[in-house]
C-alpha atoms as a PDB file:
ATOM      1  CA  MET A   1     -20.435  -1.447  20.024  1.00  0.00           C
ATOM      2  CA  VAL A   2     -18.823  -2.713  16.618  1.00  0.00           C
ATOM      3  CA  ASP A   3     -16.498  -5.846  17.090  1.00  0.00           C
ATOM      4  CA  PRO A   4     -12.837  -4.850  17.560  1.00  0.00           C
ATOM      5  CA  ILE A   5     -11.985  -7.536  14.878  1.00  0.00           C
ATOM      6  CA  ILE A   6     -14.182  -5.869  12.521  1.00  0.00           C
ATOM      7  CA  THR A   7     -12.788  -2.283  12.703  1.00  0.00           C
ATOM      8  CA  ALA A   8      -9.058  -3.661  12.646  1.00  0.00           C
ATOM      9  CA  SER A   9     -10.031  -5.638   9.369  1.00  0.00           C
ATOM     10  CA  ILE A  10     -11.412  -2.249   7.954  1.00  0.00           C
ATOM     11  CA  VAL A  11      -8.338  -0.439   9.007  1.00  0.00           C
ATOM     12  CA  TYR A  12      -5.887  -2.960   8.006  1.00  0.00           C
ATOM     13  CA  ALA A  13      -7.453  -3.385   4.626  1.00  0.00           C
ATOM     14  CA  SER A  14      -7.499   0.152   3.656  1.00  0.00           C
ATOM     15  CA  LEU A  15      -4.217   0.903   4.761  1.00  0.00           C
ATOM     16  CA  PHE A  16      -2.779  -1.958   2.812  1.00  0.00           C
ATOM     17  CA  GLY A  17      -4.923  -1.260  -0.242  1.00  0.00           C
ATOM     18  CA  LEU A  18      -3.378   2.489  -0.232  1.00  0.00           C
ATOM     19  CA  MET A  19       0.137   1.164   0.060  1.00  0.00           C
ATOM     20  CA  ALA A  20      -0.291  -1.510  -2.300  1.00  0.00           C
ATOM     21  CA  ILE A  21      -1.365   1.283  -4.935  1.00  0.00           C
ATOM     22  CA  GLY A  22       1.756   3.075  -4.411  1.00  0.00           C
ATOM     23  CA  LEU A  23       4.037   0.022  -4.918  1.00  0.00           C
ATOM     24  CA  THR A  24       2.296  -0.825  -8.051  1.00  0.00           C
ATOM     25  CA  LEU A  25       2.936   2.593  -9.341  1.00  0.00           C
ATOM     26  CA  THR A  26       6.597   2.252  -8.755  1.00  0.00           C
ATOM     27  CA  TYR A  27       6.631  -1.188 -10.576  1.00  0.00           C
ATOM     28  CA  ILE A  28       4.667  -0.615 -13.553  1.00  0.00           C
ATOM     29  CA  THR A  29       6.953   2.499 -14.449  1.00  0.00           C
ATOM     30  CA  THR A  30      10.514   0.876 -13.817  1.00  0.00           C
ATOM     31  CA  LYS A  31       9.433  -2.702 -13.637  1.00  0.00           C
ATOM     32  CA  VAL A  32      11.691  -2.951 -10.565  1.00  0.00           C
ATOM     33  CA  PRO A  33      10.482  -4.451  -7.322  1.00  0.00           C
ATOM     34  CA  ASN A  34      11.024  -1.809  -4.945  1.00  0.00           C
ATOM     35  CA  PHE A  35      12.142  -3.055  -1.404  1.00  0.00           C
ATOM     36  CA  ALA A  36      12.533   0.278  -0.051  1.00  0.00           C
ATOM     37  CA  TYR A  37       8.930   1.189  -0.455  1.00  0.00           C
ATOM     38  CA  GLY A  38       8.094   0.135   3.177  1.00  0.00           C
ATOM     39  CA  SER A  39      10.483   2.750   4.446  1.00  0.00           C
ATOM     40  CA  PHE A  40       8.408   5.686   2.847  1.00  0.00           C
ATOM     41  CA  VAL A  41       5.614   4.217   5.113  1.00  0.00           C
ATOM     42  CA  THR A  42       7.998   5.014   8.032  1.00  0.00           C
ATOM     43  CA  VAL A  43       8.502   8.504   6.680  1.00  0.00           C
ATOM     44  CA  GLY A  44       4.925   9.258   7.348  1.00  0.00           C
ATOM     45  CA  MET A  45       4.972   7.625  10.770  1.00  0.00           C
ATOM     46  CA  TYR A  46       8.035   9.888  11.668  1.00  0.00           C
ATOM     47  CA  THR A  47       6.552  13.061  10.219  1.00  0.00           C
ATOM     48  CA  ALA A  48       3.179  12.394  12.125  1.00  0.00           C
ATOM     49  CA  PHE A  49       5.053  11.849  15.325  1.00  0.00           C
ATOM     50  CA  SER A  50       7.441  14.605  15.229  1.00  0.00           C
ATOM     51  CA  LEU A  51       4.785  17.266  13.982  1.00  0.00           C
ATOM     52  CA  PHE A  52       2.470  16.166  17.125  1.00  0.00           C
ATOM     53  CA  ARG A  53       5.462  16.138  19.791  1.00  0.00           C
ATOM     54  CA  LEU A  54       6.968  19.263  18.619  1.00  0.00           C
ATOM     55  CA  GLN A  55       4.028  21.259  16.956  1.00  0.00           C
ATOM     56  CA  GLY A  56       0.729  19.899  18.453  1.00  0.00           C
ATOM     57  CA  PHE A  57      -0.102  18.607  15.088  1.00  0.00           C
ATOM     58  CA  SER A  58      -2.706  15.759  15.102  1.00  0.00           C
ATOM     59  CA  PRO A  59      -1.778  13.025  12.585  1.00  0.00           C
ATOM     60  CA  TYR A  60      -4.649  13.983  10.373  1.00  0.00           C
ATOM     61  CA  SER A  61      -3.183  17.376  10.196  1.00  0.00           C
ATOM     62  CA  SER A  62       0.213  16.022   9.265  1.00  0.00           C
ATOM     63  CA  VAL A  63      -1.154  13.807   6.415  1.00  0.00           C
ATOM     64  CA  PRO A  64      -0.514  16.425   3.543  1.00  0.00           C
ATOM     65  CA  ILE A  65       3.017  17.328   5.030  1.00  0.00           C
ATOM     66  CA  ALA A  66       3.668  13.697   5.202  1.00  0.00           C
ATOM     67  CA  PHE A  67       2.561  13.266   1.480  1.00  0.00           C
ATOM     68  CA  ILE A  68       4.899  16.105   0.286  1.00  0.00           C
ATOM     69  CA  VAL A  69       7.820  14.644   2.359  1.00  0.00           C
ATOM     70  CA  GLY A  70       7.335  11.008   0.982  1.00  0.00           C
ATOM     71  CA  SER A  71       6.855  12.296  -2.677  1.00  0.00           C
ATOM     72  CA  LEU A  72      10.077  14.476  -2.501  1.00  0.00           C
ATOM     73  CA  GLY A  73      11.878  11.353  -0.880  1.00  0.00           C
ATOM     74  CA  SER A  74      10.584   9.013  -3.428  1.00  0.00           C
ATOM     75  CA  ALA A  75      11.259  11.224  -6.483  1.00  0.00           C
ATOM     76  CA  ALA A  76      14.949  11.923  -5.026  1.00  0.00           C
ATOM     77  CA  MET A  77      15.272   8.106  -4.800  1.00  0.00           C
ATOM     78  CA  TYR A  78      14.230   7.408  -8.335  1.00  0.00           C
ATOM     79  CA  LEU A  79      16.260  10.319  -9.834  1.00  0.00           C
ATOM     80  CA  GLY A  80      19.216  10.024  -7.831  1.00  0.00           C
ATOM     81  CA  ILE A  81      19.724   6.309  -7.607  1.00  0.00           C
ATOM     82  CA  LEU A  82      17.580   4.050  -9.759  1.00  0.00           C
ATOM     83  CA  ARG A  83      17.745   6.182 -12.598  1.00  0.00           C
ATOM     84  CA  THR A  84      21.376   6.923 -12.543  1.00  0.00           C
ATOM     85  CA  LEU A  85      22.105   3.050 -12.252  1.00  0.00           C
ATOM     86  CA  ALA A  86      19.807   2.144 -14.984  1.00  0.00           C
ATOM     87  CA  ARG A  87      21.310   4.668 -17.458  1.00  0.00           C
ATOM     88  CA  ARG A  88      24.791   3.242 -16.542  1.00  0.00           C
ATOM     89  CA  GLY A  89      23.644  -0.332 -17.656  1.00  0.00           C
ATOM     90  CA  SER A  90      22.789  -1.953 -14.150  1.00  0.00           C
ATOM     91  CA  SER A  91      20.530  -4.819 -14.575  1.00  0.00           C
ATOM     92  CA  LEU A  92      17.161  -5.525 -13.062  1.00  0.00           C
ATOM     93  CA  VAL A  93      18.617  -7.732 -10.198  1.00  0.00           C
ATOM     94  CA  ALA A  94      21.362  -4.811  -9.570  1.00  0.00           C
ATOM     95  CA  LEU A  95      18.477  -2.258  -9.343  1.00  0.00           C
ATOM     96  CA  MET A  96      16.127  -4.552  -6.984  1.00  0.00           C
ATOM     97  CA  ILE A  97      19.366  -5.230  -4.647  1.00  0.00           C
ATOM     98  CA  ALA A  98      19.859  -1.270  -4.615  1.00  0.00           C
ATOM     99  CA  THR A  99      16.283  -0.725  -3.549  1.00  0.00           C
ATOM    100  CA  LEU A 100      17.031  -3.324  -0.568  1.00  0.00           C
ATOM    101  CA  ALA A 101      20.053  -1.426   0.215  1.00  0.00           C
ATOM    102  CA  ILE A 102      18.320   1.800   0.523  1.00  0.00           C
ATOM    103  CA  ASP A 103      15.660   0.553   2.808  1.00  0.00           C
ATOM    104  CA  ILE A 104      18.632  -0.864   5.045  1.00  0.00           C
ATOM    105  CA  ALA A 105      20.023   2.808   5.111  1.00  0.00           C
ATOM    106  CA  PHE A 106      16.686   4.341   5.712  1.00  0.00           C
ATOM    107  CA  VAL A 107      16.411   2.167   8.940  1.00  0.00           C
ATOM    108  CA  GLY A 108      19.636   3.466  10.091  1.00  0.00           C
ATOM    109  CA  ILE A 109      18.687   7.088   9.303  1.00  0.00           C
ATOM    110  CA  PHE A 110      15.624   6.552  11.387  1.00  0.00           C
ATOM    111  CA  GLY A 111      17.705   5.273  14.145  1.00  0.00           C
ATOM    112  CA  ILE A 112      19.779   8.130  14.087  1.00  0.00           C
ATOM    113  CA  PHE A 113      16.752  10.577  13.932  1.00  0.00           C
ATOM    114  CA  SER A 114      15.307   9.011  16.824  1.00  0.00           C
ATOM    115  CA  ASP A 115      18.451   9.423  18.569  1.00  0.00           C
ATOM    116  CA  TYR A 116      18.469  13.148  17.763  1.00  0.00           C
ATOM    117  CA  LEU A 117      14.771  13.591  18.967  1.00  0.00           C
ATOM    118  CA  TYR A 118      15.634  12.177  22.511  1.00  0.00           C
ATOM    119  CA  ALA A 119      19.137  13.957  22.552  1.00  0.00           C
ATOM    120  CA  ARG A 120      17.606  17.249  21.722  1.00  0.00           C
ATOM    121  CA  TYR A 121      13.940  17.242  22.819  1.00  0.00           C
ATOM    122  CA  ARG A 122      13.499  14.176  25.070  1.00  0.00           C
ATOM    123  CA  ILE A 123      10.566  13.198  23.078  1.00  0.00           C
ATOM    124  CA  ILE A 124      11.361   9.618  22.526  1.00  0.00           C
ATOM    125  CA  ASP A 125      13.288   7.033  24.073  1.00  0.00           C
ATOM    126  CA  ALA A 126      13.203   3.979  21.944  1.00  0.00           C
ATOM    127  CA  PRO A 127      13.296   2.681  18.621  1.00  0.00           C
ATOM    128  CA  LYS A 128       9.471   2.737  18.801  1.00  0.00           C
ATOM    129  CA  PHE A 129       6.771   4.985  19.832  1.00  0.00           C
ATOM    130  CA  VAL A 130       3.325   4.408  21.003  1.00  0.00           C
ATOM    131  CA  GLN A 131       0.176   4.924  19.290  1.00  0.00           C
ATOM    132  CA  LEU A 132      -0.648   8.506  18.723  1.00  0.00           C
ATOM    133  CA  PRO A 133      -3.678  10.342  20.381  1.00  0.00           C
ATOM    134  CA  GLY A 134      -5.661  12.834  18.660  1.00  0.00           C
ATOM    135  CA  ASP A 135      -8.117  10.838  16.645  1.00  0.00           C
ATOM    136  CA  TYR A 136     -11.927  11.703  16.513  1.00  0.00           C
ATOM    137  CA  SER A 137     -14.757   9.308  17.411  1.00  0.00           C
ATOM    138  CA  LEU A 138     -18.070   8.816  15.449  1.00  0.00           C
ATOM    139  CA  PHE A 139     -20.890   6.759  17.028  1.00  0.00           C
ATOM    140  CA  GLY A 140     -18.393   5.479  19.442  1.00  0.00           C
ATOM    141  CA  ILE A 141     -15.962   4.323  16.763  1.00  0.00           C
ATOM    142  CA  GLN A 142     -12.495   5.454  16.366  1.00  0.00           C
ATOM    143  CA  GLY A 143     -12.048   7.999  13.312  1.00  0.00           C
ATOM    144  CA  ILE A 144      -9.709   6.364  11.420  1.00  0.00           C
ATOM    145  CA  VAL A 145     -11.956   3.346  10.661  1.00  0.00           C
ATOM    146  CA  PHE A 146     -14.110   5.680   8.590  1.00  0.00           C
ATOM    147  CA  THR A 147     -11.257   7.911   7.277  1.00  0.00           C
ATOM    148  CA  ALA A 148      -9.141   5.015   6.135  1.00  0.00           C
ATOM    149  CA  PRO A 149     -11.615   3.484   3.647  1.00  0.00           C
ATOM    150  CA  ILE A 150     -12.628   6.705   2.403  1.00  0.00           C
ATOM    151  CA  SER A 151      -9.278   7.907   1.672  1.00  0.00           C
ATOM    152  CA  LEU A 152      -8.807   4.437  -0.229  1.00  0.00           C
ATOM    153  CA  CYS A 153     -12.130   5.055  -2.160  1.00  0.00           C
ATOM    154  CA  THR A 154     -11.365   8.560  -3.057  1.00  0.00           C
ATOM    155  CA  ILE A 155      -7.764   8.208  -4.212  1.00  0.00           C
ATOM    156  CA  THR A 156      -8.757   5.269  -6.275  1.00  0.00           C
ATOM    157  CA  LEU A 157     -11.501   7.136  -7.972  1.00  0.00           C
ATOM    158  CA  ALA A 158      -9.184  10.121  -8.287  1.00  0.00           C
ATOM    159  CA  LEU A 159      -6.616   7.977 -10.118  1.00  0.00           C
ATOM    160  CA  PHE A 160      -9.299   6.535 -12.459  1.00  0.00           C
ATOM    161  CA  GLY A 161     -10.338  10.033 -13.201  1.00  0.00           C
ATOM    162  CA  LEU A 162      -6.732  11.011 -14.089  1.00  0.00           C
ATOM    163  CA  LEU A 163      -5.980   8.017 -15.982  1.00  0.00           C
ATOM    164  CA  THR A 164      -9.033   7.855 -17.985  1.00  0.00           C
ATOM    165  CA  LYS A 165     -10.239  11.708 -18.395  1.00  0.00           C
ATOM    166  CA  THR A 166      -7.134  13.671 -18.634  1.00  0.00           C
ATOM    167  CA  LYS A 167      -4.529  14.084 -21.325  1.00  0.00           C
ATOM    168  CA  PHE A 168      -1.606  13.529 -18.775  1.00  0.00           C
ATOM    169  CA  GLY A 169      -3.377  10.514 -17.462  1.00  0.00           C
ATOM    170  CA  ILE A 170      -3.469   9.093 -21.016  1.00  0.00           C
ATOM    171  CA  ALA A 171       0.031   9.995 -21.455  1.00  0.00           C
ATOM    172  CA  MET A 172       0.870   8.172 -18.227  1.00  0.00           C
ATOM    173  CA  ARG A 173      -0.870   4.879 -19.716  1.00  0.00           C
ATOM    174  CA  ALA A 174       0.976   5.109 -22.670  1.00  0.00           C
ATOM    175  CA  SER A 175       4.315   5.738 -21.120  1.00  0.00           C
ATOM    176  CA  VAL A 176       3.657   2.525 -19.129  1.00  0.00           C
ATOM    177  CA  GLU A 177       2.436   0.379 -21.811  1.00  0.00           C
ATOM    178  CA  ASN A 178       4.807   1.395 -24.562  1.00  0.00           C
ATOM    179  CA  PRO A 179       7.530   3.899 -23.371  1.00  0.00           C
ATOM    180  CA  SER A 180       9.468   3.895 -27.069  1.00  0.00           C
ATOM    181  CA  LEU A 181       6.122   4.544 -28.676  1.00  0.00           C
ATOM    182  CA  ALA A 182       5.180   7.447 -26.356  1.00  0.00           C
ATOM    183  CA  ARG A 183       8.551   8.901 -26.806  1.00  0.00           C
ATOM    184  CA  VAL A 184       7.874   8.953 -30.502  1.00  0.00           C
ATOM    185  CA  LEU A 185       4.628  10.680 -29.950  1.00  0.00           C
ATOM    186  CA  GLY A 186       6.501  13.424 -28.035  1.00  0.00           C
ATOM    187  CA  ILE A 187       5.501  12.287 -24.621  1.00  0.00           C
ATOM    188  CA  ASN A 188       8.141  13.036 -21.951  1.00  0.00           C
ATOM    189  CA  VAL A 189       8.337   9.572 -20.283  1.00  0.00           C
ATOM    190  CA  GLU A 190      10.738  10.809 -17.612  1.00  0.00           C
ATOM    191  CA  ASN A 191       8.463  13.409 -16.410  1.00  0.00           C
ATOM    192  CA  VAL A 192       5.573  10.596 -16.065  1.00  0.00           C
ATOM    193  CA  TYR A 193       7.801   8.144 -14.342  1.00  0.00           C
ATOM    194  CA  ILE A 194       9.111  10.827 -11.794  1.00  0.00           C
ATOM    195  CA  PHE A 195       5.169  11.860 -11.117  1.00  0.00           C
ATOM    196  CA  ALA A 196       4.321   8.294 -10.537  1.00  0.00           C
ATOM    197  CA  TRP A 197       7.123   7.627  -8.268  1.00  0.00           C
ATOM    198  CA  SER A 198       6.161  11.011  -6.367  1.00  0.00           C
ATOM    199  CA  LEU A 199       2.539   9.678  -6.066  1.00  0.00           C
ATOM    200  CA  ALA A 200       3.655   6.328  -4.585  1.00  0.00           C
ATOM    201  CA  GLY A 201       5.876   7.985  -2.125  1.00  0.00           C
ATOM    202  CA  GLY A 202       3.248  10.342  -1.239  1.00  0.00           C
ATOM    203  CA  PHE A 203       0.620   7.363  -0.685  1.00  0.00           C
ATOM    204  CA  ALA A 204       3.085   5.532   1.466  1.00  0.00           C
ATOM    205  CA  ALA A 205       3.781   8.337   3.649  1.00  0.00           C
ATOM    206  CA  MET A 206       0.039   8.971   4.040  1.00  0.00           C
ATOM    207  CA  SER A 207      -0.811   5.745   5.082  1.00  0.00           C
ATOM    208  CA  GLY A 208       2.179   5.721   7.405  1.00  0.00           C
ATOM    209  CA  ALA A 209       0.622   8.903   9.230  1.00  0.00           C
ATOM    210  CA  TYR A 210      -2.706   7.083   9.347  1.00  0.00           C
ATOM    211  CA  TYR A 211      -0.850   4.027  10.777  1.00  0.00           C
ATOM    212  CA  THR A 212       0.167   6.135  13.801  1.00  0.00           C
ATOM    213  CA  LEU A 213      -3.482   6.497  14.900  1.00  0.00           C
ATOM    214  CA  TRP A 214      -4.198   2.749  15.090  1.00  0.00           C
ATOM    215  CA  LEU A 215      -0.610   0.992  16.087  1.00  0.00           C
ATOM    216  CA  PRO A 216       2.718   1.865  17.476  1.00  0.00           C
ATOM    217  CA  GLY A 217       5.310   3.163  14.996  1.00  0.00           C
ATOM    218  CA  GLY A 218       8.947   2.554  14.948  1.00  0.00           C
ATOM    219  CA  ILE A 219      12.250   2.602  12.925  1.00  0.00           C
ATOM    220  CA  ASP A 220      11.535  -0.764  11.031  1.00  0.00           C
ATOM    221  CA  VAL A 221       7.867  -0.936  11.218  1.00  0.00           C
ATOM    222  CA  GLY A 222       7.287   0.096   7.756  1.00  0.00           C
ATOM    223  CA  SER A 223      10.038  -2.302   6.239  1.00  0.00           C
ATOM    224  CA  LYS A 224       8.470  -5.244   8.210  1.00  0.00           C
ATOM    225  CA  LEU A 225       5.069  -4.470   6.196  1.00  0.00           C
ATOM    226  CA  ILE A 226       6.743  -4.947   2.903  1.00  0.00           C
ATOM    227  CA  VAL A 227       5.607  -8.755   2.882  1.00  0.00           C
ATOM    228  CA  GLU A 228       1.917  -7.436   3.187  1.00  0.00           C
ATOM    229  CA  ILE A 229       2.493  -5.008   0.610  1.00  0.00           C
ATOM    230  CA  PHE A 230       3.961  -6.989  -1.836  1.00  0.00           C
ATOM    231  CA  ALA A 231       1.368  -9.663  -1.236  1.00  0.00           C
ATOM    232  CA  SER A 232      -1.277  -7.306  -1.976  1.00  0.00           C
ATOM    233  CA  SER A 233       0.339  -5.915  -5.233  1.00  0.00           C
ATOM    234  CA  VAL A 234       0.908  -9.286  -6.658  1.00  0.00           C
ATOM    235  CA  LEU A 235      -2.499 -10.634  -5.749  1.00  0.00           C
ATOM    236  CA  GLY A 236      -4.003  -7.662  -7.642  1.00  0.00           C
ATOM    237  CA  GLY A 237      -1.904  -8.639 -10.848  1.00  0.00           C
ATOM    238  CA  LEU A 238       1.175  -6.089 -10.163  1.00  0.00           C
ATOM    239  CA  ALA A 239       0.402  -4.066 -13.132  1.00  0.00           C
ATOM    240  CA  SER A 240      -2.996  -3.169 -12.201  1.00  0.00           C
ATOM    241  CA  ILE A 241      -3.627  -0.051  -9.739  1.00  0.00           C
ATOM    242  CA  TYR A 242      -7.155  -1.005  -9.140  1.00  0.00           C
ATOM    243  CA  GLY A 243      -6.374  -4.644  -8.630  1.00  0.00           C
ATOM    244  CA  ALA A 244      -3.586  -3.593  -6.001  1.00  0.00           C
ATOM    245  CA  ALA A 245      -6.499  -1.629  -4.115  1.00  0.00           C
ATOM    246  CA  LEU A 246      -8.440  -4.851  -4.058  1.00  0.00           C
ATOM    247  CA  GLY A 247      -5.510  -7.103  -3.258  1.00  0.00           C
ATOM    248  CA  GLY A 248      -4.693  -4.725  -0.372  1.00  0.00           C
ATOM    249  CA  VAL A 249      -8.096  -5.120   0.974  1.00  0.00           C
ATOM    250  CA  ILE A 250      -8.108  -8.729   0.843  1.00  0.00           C
ATOM    251  CA  ILE A 251      -4.701  -9.275   2.396  1.00  0.00           C
ATOM    252  CA  GLY A 252      -5.427  -6.798   5.149  1.00  0.00           C
ATOM    253  CA  ALA A 253      -8.842  -8.013   6.126  1.00  0.00           C
ATOM    254  CA  GLY A 254      -7.772 -11.743   5.790  1.00  0.00           C
ATOM    255  CA  GLU A 255      -4.785 -11.337   7.762  1.00  0.00           C
ATOM    256  CA  ILE A 256      -6.749 -10.161  10.696  1.00  0.00           C
ATOM    257  CA  LEU A 257      -9.707 -12.383  10.237  1.00  0.00           C
ATOM    258  CA  ILE A 258      -7.840 -15.756   9.644  1.00  0.00           C
ATOM    259  CA  THR A 259      -5.344 -15.048  12.441  1.00  0.00           C
ATOM    260  CA  THR A 260      -8.330 -14.160  14.736  1.00  0.00           C
ATOM    261  CA  ALA A 261     -10.131 -17.405  13.743  1.00  0.00           C
ATOM    262  CA  GLY A 262      -7.076 -19.551  14.107  1.00  0.00           C
ATOM    263  CA  ALA A 263      -6.344 -18.042  17.526  1.00  0.00           C
ATOM    264  CA  ASN A 264      -9.739 -19.082  18.728  1.00  0.00           C
ATOM    265  CA  LEU A 265      -9.506 -22.611  17.271  1.00  0.00           C
ATOM    266  CA  PHE A 266      -5.977 -23.476  18.191  1.00  0.00           C
ATOM    267  CA  GLY A 267      -5.105 -20.834  20.824  1.00  0.00           C
ATOM    268  CA  SER A 268      -3.242 -17.493  20.547  1.00  0.00           C
ATOM    269  CA  SER A 269       0.181 -18.952  19.438  1.00  0.00           C
ATOM    270  CA  VAL A 270      -1.265 -18.848  16.098  1.00  0.00           C
ATOM    271  CA  GLY A 271      -0.324 -15.227  16.114  1.00  0.00           C
ATOM    272  CA  ILE A 272       3.244 -15.937  15.782  1.00  0.00           C
ATOM    273  CA  TYR A 273       2.356 -17.069  11.857  1.00  0.00           C
ATOM    274  CA  GLN A 274       0.380 -13.788  10.937  1.00  0.00           C
ATOM    275  CA  LYS A 275       2.871 -12.571   8.522  1.00  0.00           C
ATOM    276  CA  GLY A 276       2.582 -15.792   6.633  1.00  0.00           C
ATOM    277  CA  ILE A 277      -1.067 -15.514   6.242  1.00  0.00           C
ATOM    278  CA  PRO A 278      -0.897 -12.901   3.375  1.00  0.00           C
ATOM    279  CA  LEU A 279       1.493 -15.327   1.379  1.00  0.00           C
ATOM    280  CA  ILE A 280      -0.956 -18.352   1.595  1.00  0.00           C
ATOM    281  CA  ILE A 281      -3.671 -16.001   0.427  1.00  0.00           C
ATOM    282  CA  MET A 282      -1.615 -14.848  -2.407  1.00  0.00           C
ATOM    283  CA  ILE A 283      -0.515 -18.415  -3.323  1.00  0.00           C
ATOM    284  CA  ILE A 284      -4.014 -19.699  -3.348  1.00  0.00           C
ATOM    285  CA  THR A 285      -5.402 -16.885  -5.358  1.00  0.00           C
ATOM    286  CA  LEU A 286      -2.532 -17.209  -7.927  1.00  0.00           C
ATOM    287  CA  LEU A 287      -3.009 -20.813  -8.156  1.00  0.00           C
ATOM    288  CA  LEU A 288      -6.616 -20.226  -9.357  1.00  0.00           C
ATOM    289  CA  PHE A 289      -5.878 -16.933 -11.236  1.00  0.00           C
ATOM    290  CA  PRO A 290      -2.258 -16.944 -12.342  1.00  0.00           C
ATOM    291  CA  GLN A 291      -2.221 -13.218 -13.601  1.00  0.00           C
ATOM    292  CA  GLY A 292      -3.820 -12.147 -10.217  1.00  0.00           C
ATOM    293  CA  LEU A 293      -7.224 -10.720  -9.573  1.00  0.00           C
ATOM    294  CA  VAL A 294      -6.904  -8.499 -12.656  1.00  0.00           C
ATOM    295  CA  SER A 295      -7.365 -11.701 -14.865  1.00  0.00           C
ATOM    296  CA  LEU A 296     -10.682 -12.665 -13.247  1.00  0.00           C
ATOM    297  CA  ASP A 297     -13.471 -11.884 -15.750  1.00  0.00           C
ATOM    298  CA  LEU A 298     -16.407 -10.715 -13.619  1.00  0.00           C
ATOM    299  CA  ARG A 299     -18.901 -10.499 -16.500  1.00  0.00           C
ATOM    300  CA  ARG A 300     -18.131 -14.197 -17.513  1.00  0.00           C
ATOM    301  CA  ALA A 301     -18.542 -15.335 -14.015  1.00  0.00           C
ATOM    302  CA  PHE A 302     -21.907 -13.665 -13.599  1.00  0.00           C
ATOM    303  CA  ARG A 303     -23.114 -14.911 -16.744  1.00  0.00           C
ATOM    304  CA  LYS A 304     -22.080 -18.465 -15.932  1.00  0.00           C
ATOM    305  CA  PHE A 305     -23.809 -17.909 -12.375  1.00  0.00           C
ATOM    306  CA  ARG A 306     -26.946 -16.716 -13.943  1.00  0.00           C
ATOM    307  CA  ASN A 307     -26.980 -19.810 -16.593  1.00  0.00           C
ATOM    308  CA  LEU A 308     -26.699 -21.964 -13.362  1.00  0.00           C
ATOM    309  CA  ARG A 309     -29.372 -20.371 -11.609  1.00  0.00           C
ATOM    310  CA  SER A 310     -32.011 -20.385 -14.598  1.00  0.00           C
ATOM    311  CA  LEU A 311     -30.949 -24.145 -15.121  1.00  0.00           C
ATOM    312  CA  GLY A 312     -31.495 -24.739 -11.549  1.00  0.00           C
ATOM    313  CA  TRP A 313     -35.000 -23.066 -11.968  1.00  0.00           C
ATOM    314  CA  ARG A 314     -35.840 -25.093 -14.854  1.00  0.00           C
ATOM    315  CA  LYS A 315     -35.020 -28.416 -13.197  1.00  0.00           C
ATOM    316  CA  SER A 316     -36.957 -27.405 -10.121  1.00  0.00           C
ATOM    317  CA  LEU A 317     -40.086 -26.525 -12.371  1.00  0.00           C
ATOM    318  CA  HIS A 318     -39.776 -29.894 -14.209  1.00  0.00           C
ATOM    319  CA  LEU A 319     -39.464 -31.920 -11.088  1.00  0.00           C
ATOM    320  CA  SER A 320     -42.615 -30.323  -9.636  1.00  0.00           C
END
């Protein structure tokens, strides 16, 4: 049997990596910290829960539907609110506060939806619902332990292929790096932004559907995850999709492993500080690499390691 701490670390790392990719997509397009992003994770949770209880769909079967619902919701948020406010001259701070207001509104909407599910179908009686069944088992291990990291790797590789091997992907990169020049070149920057926000909402809802297989969901669960999601994105450099994936893996796994180690050393009361661990990891990393993990030159580090290794060999030969 695999240690439950290891499996929990794998799932958390994969889900936060997936969430951080979406948050980074919204940031690099509009440069607005999207505090409503966690609510799209909750959209995926409620989509999976509703389809399971009403139609008998497993959370895996509901993932494509959750992706579509999240994509449409995120695109509508960008078109109907953020773009409208930006065109009317709203400041960056105003746009950021608008995303926070949207998140609060989403929590209320989820509460109303929960009440509706109870009044109409009697399938929920609290603002939280339990972990959903329907997962498969492989080698005695819950299936989400395999599905979550595979999904993260697949999506990261697919984005790499899109951004580097296709004309639309190159247009996306141009729109992000220099929107004015992209418009001069005939690229429809707005369509690129809509596509990016749609992908972001889809990834968030997709991770929310997976989340229900591992932990209970609820009206504000996604909103409470925003600290870890932001920490993952900032750790990755905030402007790098691949850095966000890596940052999510570090934050997700680090939160579980460090909390567990602390509980073993100091007692279970350490668990109340779990939400602060991602921030500590982020602060320490940024003190070493101010631009995030994306600024880490792996080739240079490898050359230094190789030089130190060869120097050590030469000293040992000289002493012998």
